[in-house]
Amino acid sequence: MSTNPGQATYERMQRANDVMIVSSFALWAMLIGFVPVAALRLLSA
């Protein structure tokens, strides 16, 4: 961490952006994995 307030704000925003990107990848991975399973279960029911 740096002592410059502007740099600290930038680092905090960058970290938040990284979390959002990873979260969106996780969401898409869950959807891609879950939708076919749910469709097969609904069709076979």
PDB file of N, CA and C in Angstrom:
ATOM      1  N   MET A   1       0.849  -1.188   0.000  1.00  0.00           N
ATOM      2  CA  MET A   1       0.000   0.000   0.000  1.00  0.00           C
ATOM      3  C   MET A   1       0.885   1.239   0.000  1.00  0.00           C
ATOM      4  N   SER A   2       0.413   2.246  -0.662  1.00  0.00           N
ATOM      5  CA  SER A   2       1.196   3.467  -0.725  1.00  0.00           C
ATOM      6  C   SER A   2       0.608   4.506   0.225  1.00  0.00           C
ATOM      7  N   THR A   3       1.395   5.525   0.523  1.00  0.00           N
ATOM      8  CA  THR A   3       0.932   6.569   1.441  1.00  0.00           C
ATOM      9  C   THR A   3       0.193   7.681   0.704  1.00  0.00           C
ATOM     10  N   ASN A   4       0.267   7.687  -0.622  1.00  0.00           N
ATOM     11  CA  ASN A   4      -0.424   8.696  -1.425  1.00  0.00           C
ATOM     12  C   ASN A   4      -1.924   8.367  -1.443  1.00  0.00           C
ATOM     13  N   PRO A   5      -2.786   9.308  -0.997  1.00  0.00           N
ATOM     14  CA  PRO A   5      -4.227   9.002  -0.940  1.00  0.00           C
ATOM     15  C   PRO A   5      -4.821   8.662  -2.304  1.00  0.00           C
ATOM     16  N   GLY A   6      -4.378   9.343  -3.348  1.00  0.00           N
ATOM     17  CA  GLY A   6      -4.876   9.048  -4.691  1.00  0.00           C
ATOM     18  C   GLY A   6      -4.499   7.641  -5.121  1.00  0.00           C
ATOM     19  N   GLN A   7      -3.282   7.258  -4.820  1.00  0.00           N
ATOM     20  CA  GLN A   7      -2.813   5.911  -5.171  1.00  0.00           C
ATOM     21  C   GLN A   7      -3.562   4.859  -4.354  1.00  0.00           C
ATOM     22  N   ALA A   8      -3.823   5.135  -3.090  1.00  0.00           N
ATOM     23  CA  ALA A   8      -4.561   4.197  -2.249  1.00  0.00           C
ATOM     24  C   ALA A   8      -5.983   4.008  -2.771  1.00  0.00           C
ATOM     25  N   THR A   9      -6.615   5.087  -3.215  1.00  0.00           N
ATOM     26  CA  THR A   9      -7.963   4.994  -3.783  1.00  0.00           C
ATOM     27  C   THR A   9      -7.930   4.168  -5.055  1.00  0.00           C
ATOM     28  N   TYR A  10      -6.932   4.399  -5.892  1.00  0.00           N
ATOM     29  CA  TYR A  10      -6.809   3.638  -7.134  1.00  0.00           C
ATOM     30  C   TYR A  10      -6.629   2.153  -6.835  1.00  0.00           C
ATOM     31  N   GLU A  11      -5.778   1.829  -5.857  1.00  0.00           N
ATOM     32  CA  GLU A  11      -5.546   0.421  -5.511  1.00  0.00           C
ATOM     33  C   GLU A  11      -6.818  -0.229  -4.981  1.00  0.00           C
ATOM     34  N   ARG A  12      -7.587   0.517  -4.191  1.00  0.00           N
ATOM     35  CA  ARG A  12      -8.841  -0.015  -3.655  1.00  0.00           C
ATOM     36  C   ARG A  12      -9.844  -0.259  -4.781  1.00  0.00           C
ATOM     37  N   MET A  13      -9.929   0.680  -5.729  1.00  0.00           N
ATOM     38  CA  MET A  13     -10.845   0.505  -6.864  1.00  0.00           C
ATOM     39  C   MET A  13     -10.397  -0.659  -7.745  1.00  0.00           C
ATOM     40  N   GLN A  14      -9.098  -0.817  -7.925  1.00  0.00           N
ATOM     41  CA  GLN A  14      -8.573  -1.918  -8.735  1.00  0.00           C
ATOM     42  C   GLN A  14      -8.904  -3.260  -8.077  1.00  0.00           C
ATOM     43  N   ARG A  15      -8.776  -3.328  -6.764  1.00  0.00           N
ATOM     44  CA  ARG A  15      -9.093  -4.559  -6.045  1.00  0.00           C
ATOM     45  C   ARG A  15     -10.580  -4.881  -6.162  1.00  0.00           C
ATOM     46  N   ALA A  16     -11.430  -3.869  -6.054  1.00  0.00           N
ATOM     47  CA  ALA A  16     -12.871  -4.074  -6.202  1.00  0.00           C
ATOM     48  C   ALA A  16     -13.188  -4.545  -7.615  1.00  0.00           C
ATOM     49  N   ASN A  17     -12.516  -3.986  -8.605  1.00  0.00           N
ATOM     50  CA  ASN A  17     -12.719  -4.402  -9.990  1.00  0.00           C
ATOM     51  C   ASN A  17     -12.301  -5.859 -10.175  1.00  0.00           C
ATOM     52  N   ASP A  18     -11.186  -6.253  -9.586  1.00  0.00           N
ATOM     53  CA  ASP A  18     -10.733  -7.643  -9.679  1.00  0.00           C
ATOM     54  C   ASP A  18     -11.753  -8.590  -9.058  1.00  0.00           C
ATOM     55  N   VAL A  19     -12.306  -8.208  -7.918  1.00  0.00           N
ATOM     56  CA  VAL A  19     -13.314  -9.045  -7.258  1.00  0.00           C
ATOM     57  C   VAL A  19     -14.547  -9.186  -8.138  1.00  0.00           C
ATOM     58  N   MET A  20     -14.968  -8.094  -8.775  1.00  0.00           N
ATOM     59  CA  MET A  20     -16.135  -8.148  -9.650  1.00  0.00           C
ATOM     60  C   MET A  20     -15.891  -9.067 -10.846  1.00  0.00           C
ATOM     61  N   ILE A  21     -14.701  -9.005 -11.430  1.00  0.00           N
ATOM     62  CA  ILE A  21     -14.390  -9.851 -12.581  1.00  0.00           C
ATOM     63  C   ILE A  21     -14.395 -11.318 -12.181  1.00  0.00           C
ATOM     64  N   VAL A  22     -13.757 -11.645 -11.067  1.00  0.00           N
ATOM     65  CA  VAL A  22     -13.721 -13.032 -10.606  1.00  0.00           C
ATOM     66  C   VAL A  22     -15.128 -13.514 -10.267  1.00  0.00           C
ATOM     67  N   SER A  23     -15.932 -12.656  -9.645  1.00  0.00           N
ATOM     68  CA  SER A  23     -17.300 -13.032  -9.303  1.00  0.00           C
ATOM     69  C   SER A  23     -18.128 -13.296 -10.555  1.00  0.00           C
ATOM     70  N   SER A  24     -17.937 -12.489 -11.581  1.00  0.00           N
ATOM     71  CA  SER A  24     -18.720 -12.707 -12.805  1.00  0.00           C
ATOM     72  C   SER A  24     -18.303 -14.011 -13.471  1.00  0.00           C
ATOM     73  N   PHE A  25     -17.017 -14.336 -13.467  1.00  0.00           N
ATOM     74  CA  PHE A  25     -16.590 -15.628 -14.007  1.00  0.00           C
ATOM     75  C   PHE A  25     -17.201 -16.771 -13.210  1.00  0.00           C
ATOM     76  N   ALA A  26     -17.227 -16.646 -11.901  1.00  0.00           N
ATOM     77  CA  ALA A  26     -17.807 -17.702 -11.057  1.00  0.00           C
ATOM     78  C   ALA A  26     -19.298 -17.844 -11.336  1.00  0.00           C
ATOM     79  N   LEU A  27     -19.993 -16.732 -11.501  1.00  0.00           N
ATOM     80  CA  LEU A  27     -21.430 -16.784 -11.785  1.00  0.00           C
ATOM     81  C   LEU A  27     -21.691 -17.497 -13.108  1.00  0.00           C
ATOM     82  N   TRP A  28     -20.943 -17.132 -14.152  1.00  0.00           N
ATOM     83  CA  TRP A  28     -21.136 -17.774 -15.451  1.00  0.00           C
ATOM     84  C   TRP A  28     -20.789 -19.250 -15.375  1.00  0.00           C
ATOM     85  N   ALA A  29     -19.737 -19.606 -14.653  1.00  0.00           N
ATOM     86  CA  ALA A  29     -19.366 -21.020 -14.533  1.00  0.00           C
ATOM     87  C   ALA A  29     -20.470 -21.807 -13.842  1.00  0.00           C
ATOM     88  N   MET A  30     -21.078 -21.239 -12.808  1.00  0.00           N
ATOM     89  CA  MET A  30     -22.177 -21.928 -12.127  1.00  0.00           C
ATOM     90  C   MET A  30     -23.377 -22.064 -13.053  1.00  0.00           C
ATOM     91  N   LEU A  31     -23.697 -21.003 -13.808  1.00  0.00           N
ATOM     92  CA  LEU A  31     -24.840 -21.072 -14.723  1.00  0.00           C
ATOM     93  C   LEU A  31     -24.616 -22.108 -15.815  1.00  0.00           C
ATOM     94  N   ILE A  32     -23.417 -22.120 -16.395  1.00  0.00           N
ATOM     95  CA  ILE A  32     -23.118 -23.067 -17.465  1.00  0.00           C
ATOM     96  C   ILE A  32     -23.159 -24.498 -16.928  1.00  0.00           C
ATOM     97  N   GLY A  33     -22.749 -24.687 -15.685  1.00  0.00           N
ATOM     98  CA  GLY A  33     -22.801 -26.019 -15.097  1.00  0.00           C
ATOM     99  C   GLY A  33     -24.191 -26.413 -14.626  1.00  0.00           C
ATOM    100  N   PHE A  34     -24.981 -25.457 -14.197  1.00  0.00           N
ATOM    101  CA  PHE A  34     -26.275 -25.771 -13.578  1.00  0.00           C
ATOM    102  C   PHE A  34     -27.408 -25.906 -14.584  1.00  0.00           C
ATOM    103  N   VAL A  35     -27.411 -25.081 -15.617  1.00  0.00           N
ATOM    104  CA  VAL A  35     -28.533 -25.064 -16.560  1.00  0.00           C
ATOM    105  C   VAL A  35     -28.720 -26.415 -17.259  1.00  0.00           C
ATOM    106  N   PRO A  36     -27.690 -27.057 -17.783  1.00  0.00           N
ATOM    107  CA  PRO A  36     -27.923 -28.367 -18.408  1.00  0.00           C
ATOM    108  C   PRO A  36     -28.442 -29.408 -17.422  1.00  0.00           C
ATOM    109  N   VAL A  37     -27.945 -29.389 -16.206  1.00  0.00           N
ATOM    110  CA  VAL A  37     -28.408 -30.344 -15.197  1.00  0.00           C
ATOM    111  C   VAL A  37     -29.874 -30.096 -14.873  1.00  0.00           C
ATOM    112  N   ALA A  38     -30.244 -28.843 -14.692  1.00  0.00           N
ATOM    113  CA  ALA A  38     -31.632 -28.516 -14.394  1.00  0.00           C
ATOM    114  C   ALA A  38     -32.535 -28.891 -15.560  1.00  0.00           C
ATOM    115  N   ALA A  39     -32.095 -28.641 -16.784  1.00  0.00           N
ATOM    116  CA  ALA A  39     -32.902 -28.979 -17.962  1.00  0.00           C
ATOM    117  C   ALA A  39     -33.103 -30.491 -18.055  1.00  0.00           C
ATOM    118  N   LEU A  40     -32.068 -31.253 -17.843  1.00  0.00           N
ATOM    119  CA  LEU A  40     -32.199 -32.716 -17.904  1.00  0.00           C
ATOM    120  C   LEU A  40     -33.127 -33.236 -16.821  1.00  0.00           C
ATOM    121  N   ARG A  41     -33.028 -32.664 -15.636  1.00  0.00           N
ATOM    122  CA  ARG A  41     -33.914 -33.113 -14.557  1.00  0.00           C
ATOM    123  C   ARG A  41     -35.375 -32.766 -14.843  1.00  0.00           C
ATOM    124  N   LEU A  42     -35.591 -31.577 -15.428  1.00  0.00           N
ATOM    125  CA  LEU A  42     -36.970 -31.188 -15.749  1.00  0.00           C
ATOM    126  C   LEU A  42     -37.537 -32.048 -16.884  1.00  0.00           C
ATOM    127  N   LEU A  43     -36.705 -32.366 -17.863  1.00  0.00           N
ATOM    128  CA  LEU A  43     -37.173 -33.179 -18.987  1.00  0.00           C
ATOM    129  C   LEU A  43     -37.445 -34.621 -18.572  1.00  0.00           C
ATOM    130  N   SER A  44     -36.660 -35.121 -17.623  1.00  0.00           N
ATOM    131  CA  SER A  44     -36.837 -36.518 -17.221  1.00  0.00           C
ATOM    132  C   SER A  44     -37.901 -36.673 -16.152  1.00  0.00           C
ATOM    133  N   ALA A  45     -38.390 -35.583 -15.594  1.00  0.00           N
ATOM    134  CA  ALA A  45     -39.388 -35.681 -14.521  1.00  0.00           C
ATOM    135  C   ALA A  45     -40.777 -35.962 -15.061  1.00  0.00           C
TER     136      ALA A  45
END
